[in-house]
Protein backbone atom coordinates (compact mmCIF):
# COMPACT_ATOMS: atom_id res chain seq x y z
CA MET A 1 81.55 80.61 117.76
CA PRO A 2 79.00 81.14 115.49
CA GLN A 3 79.62 83.24 112.38
CA ILE A 4 78.24 86.69 112.46
CA GLN A 5 76.67 87.66 109.17
CA LEU A 6 77.17 91.28 108.60
CA SER A 7 75.13 93.71 105.91
CA ASP A 8 77.28 95.96 103.78
CA ALA A 9 76.05 98.62 105.88
CA GLN A 10 76.91 97.18 109.13
CA ALA A 11 80.38 95.85 107.55
CA VAL A 12 80.99 99.66 106.29
CA ILE A 13 80.11 100.99 110.04
CA LEU A 14 81.88 98.43 111.81
CA SER A 15 85.14 98.25 109.39
CA THR A 16 85.32 102.05 109.92
CA ALA A 17 85.09 102.32 113.12
CA CYS A 18 87.95 99.66 113.76
CA ALA A 19 90.14 101.55 111.54
CA ARG A 20 89.75 104.43 114.22
CA GLU A 21 92.13 104.92 117.12
CA ASP A 22 89.09 104.84 119.66
CA GLY A 23 87.15 102.28 117.92
CA ALA A 24 84.33 105.35 117.64
CA ILE A 25 81.03 104.69 115.54
CA PHE A 26 80.59 108.51 114.98
CA PRO A 27 80.66 110.20 113.19
CA VAL A 28 79.48 107.91 110.62
CA THR A 29 80.93 107.77 107.11
CA ALA A 30 78.32 105.65 105.80
CA SER A 31 75.86 107.24 103.48
CA LEU A 32 72.78 105.96 104.81
CA LYS A 33 69.04 107.65 104.97
CA GLY A 34 66.12 108.11 107.37
CA GLY A 35 66.62 106.03 110.52
CA ALA A 36 68.77 103.23 108.69
CA VAL A 37 72.09 104.45 111.02
CA GLY A 38 69.95 104.09 114.41
CA ASN A 39 68.65 100.87 112.98
CA VAL A 40 71.96 99.25 111.67
CA CYS A 41 73.31 100.92 115.63
CA LYS A 42 70.62 98.71 117.25
CA SER A 43 71.24 95.45 115.32
CA LEU A 44 75.22 95.68 116.19
CA LEU A 45 73.96 96.36 119.56
CA LYS A 46 72.28 93.24 119.70
CA HIS A 47 74.81 91.40 118.41
CA GLY A 48 77.88 92.83 121.18
CA LEU A 49 79.69 94.25 118.53
CA ILE A 50 79.19 97.80 119.60
CA GLN A 51 78.76 98.85 123.08
CA GLU A 52 77.50 102.25 124.37
CA VAL A 53 79.77 104.52 126.49
CA GLU A 54 80.22 107.65 128.10
CA ALA A 55 80.68 110.32 125.34
CA THR A 56 83.23 112.76 125.70
CA ASN A 57 82.62 115.15 123.07
CA LEU A 58 79.31 116.36 122.04
CA ASP A 59 78.94 115.87 118.28
CA THR A 60 79.15 112.17 118.64
CA VAL A 61 76.45 111.48 120.96
CA TRP A 62 73.99 108.55 120.60
CA ARG A 63 71.44 109.23 122.91
CA HIS A 64 71.43 110.87 126.39
CA ASP A 65 70.86 108.95 129.99
CA GLU A 66 69.75 110.15 132.92
CA ASN A 67 72.41 108.52 135.22
CA HIS A 68 75.13 108.82 132.86
CA GLY A 69 74.47 111.83 130.49
CA PRO A 70 75.89 111.65 126.67
CA ILE A 71 76.15 108.14 125.41
CA THR A 72 78.25 107.28 122.27
CA LEU A 73 79.24 103.97 120.57
CA ARG A 74 82.37 102.05 120.02
CA ALA A 75 83.60 98.72 118.83
CA THR A 76 83.64 95.88 121.31
CA PRO A 77 86.58 93.46 121.11
CA LEU A 78 84.08 91.07 119.01
CA ALA A 79 83.93 93.79 116.27
CA TYR A 80 87.81 93.49 115.37
CA THR A 81 86.99 89.49 116.14
CA THR A 82 84.12 89.18 113.77
CA LEU A 83 86.09 91.26 110.91
CA GLY A 84 89.40 89.49 111.56
CA ILE A 85 91.31 91.87 112.66
CA THR A 86 92.49 89.64 115.58
CA SER A 87 92.02 86.35 116.20
CA GLU A 88 91.28 86.22 120.24
CA PRO A 89 88.86 88.75 121.85
CA ASP A 90 89.98 90.81 124.31
CA GLU A 91 88.18 91.42 127.85
CA THR A 92 85.49 93.82 127.37
CA GLN A 93 84.61 97.07 129.34
CA PRO A 94 81.52 97.34 131.06
CA ALA A 95 78.98 99.49 129.51
CA ASP A 96 79.29 102.31 132.09
CA ALA A 97 82.65 102.13 132.03
CA PRO A 98 85.05 105.52 130.29
CA SER A 99 85.78 105.19 126.79
CA ALA A 100 89.47 104.39 126.71
CA ALA A 101 91.19 103.97 123.32
CA VAL A 102 91.56 100.71 121.42
CA PRO A 103 95.02 99.45 120.96
CA ARG A 104 95.92 99.37 117.38
CA ARG A 105 96.66 95.89 116.38
CA THR A 106 99.62 94.32 114.43
CA ALA A 107 99.22 91.75 111.45
CA THR A 108 95.51 92.49 110.90
CA LYS A 109 93.59 91.21 108.12
CA GLN A 110 92.99 95.11 106.58
CA GLU A 111 97.04 95.18 106.64
CA THR A 112 96.96 91.62 104.56
CA LEU A 113 94.46 93.30 102.10
CA ILE A 114 96.52 96.06 101.66
CA GLY A 115 99.62 94.25 101.19
CA MET A 116 97.50 92.20 98.37
CA LEU A 117 96.33 95.29 96.75
CA ARG A 118 99.56 96.52 96.65
CA ALA A 119 101.67 93.51 95.34
CA GLU A 120 102.27 93.74 91.56
CA GLY A 121 99.24 92.25 89.63
CA GLY A 122 96.73 93.32 92.69
CA ALA A 123 94.31 90.90 93.79
CA THR A 124 90.80 89.29 93.00
CA VAL A 125 88.10 89.05 95.67
CA ASP A 126 88.50 85.12 95.71
CA GLU A 127 92.22 85.62 96.45
CA ILE A 128 91.20 88.20 99.26
CA VAL A 129 88.63 85.91 100.67
CA ALA A 130 90.93 83.04 100.46
CA ALA A 131 93.70 85.14 102.56
CA THR A 132 91.47 86.88 104.93
CA GLY A 133 88.16 84.65 105.09
CA TRP A 134 85.89 87.54 104.71
CA GLN A 135 82.57 86.75 102.77
CA PRO A 136 83.06 89.12 99.55
CA HIS A 137 80.54 91.60 100.43
CA THR A 138 83.11 92.61 103.57
CA ILE A 139 85.86 93.01 100.95
CA ARG A 140 84.10 95.39 98.46
CA GLY A 141 82.71 96.87 101.82
CA VAL A 142 85.90 97.40 103.36
CA ILE A 143 87.59 98.43 99.84
CA SER A 144 85.17 101.37 99.44
CA GLY A 145 84.11 102.32 103.00
CA VAL A 146 87.80 102.33 104.89
CA LEU A 147 90.10 102.08 102.58
CA LYS A 148 88.89 104.67 99.30
CA LYS A 149 86.67 106.86 101.81
CA LYS A 150 88.07 106.65 105.54
CA LEU A 151 91.74 106.00 104.56
CA GLY A 152 91.64 108.04 101.38
CA LEU A 153 93.73 105.40 99.30
CA GLU A 154 93.39 104.89 95.49
CA VAL A 155 92.12 101.63 94.64
CA THR A 156 91.35 101.00 91.05
CA SER A 157 89.83 97.60 89.69
CA GLU A 158 89.62 96.59 86.21
CA LYS A 159 88.68 93.27 84.34
CA VAL A 160 91.79 91.15 83.59
CA GLU A 161 91.07 88.26 81.12
CA ARG A 162 91.56 84.33 82.77
CA ARG A 163 91.26 86.72 86.25
CA GLY A 164 88.52 88.01 86.49
CA ARG A 165 87.79 91.77 88.26
CA VAL A 166 90.96 92.36 90.13
CA TYR A 167 91.78 94.90 92.55
CA VAL A 168 95.13 97.23 92.47
CA MET A 169 96.40 99.89 95.14
CA ARG A 170 98.33 102.44 93.65
């Protein structure tokens, strides 16, 4: 399967959704202006990383459909695989199926990242790339979007001689 390259905005939106128990895209926490959220979501839909499901919360409506009513978006198993959260894609549900909670995964790359940041001395982007296989922009997006904004964790960085920029979670 070819690797899907994600923009920073796509990585933040997708990482945030995958961190949610139900995989919901909305509410979007990324600070995008104008129609950027729509454009990012359309691209993620095209790649099969998110899918349309019937909305149960009217605050999360993506669009209205004549047959199905309010529609929202949630992450697909391919999204979790693309972000390295799971190694095997699950069976995907049909787009018209009601949304079901996405089971929490264990031993995820996000957990690996958190463990590396909590370890004494922290971790550099290069070390995280080696451990997770993520691209550097994805790592920075997960640190700023998911860990700091979504989960409210305190992550700091500093330049360390001979190592470069090191990220540490306190």
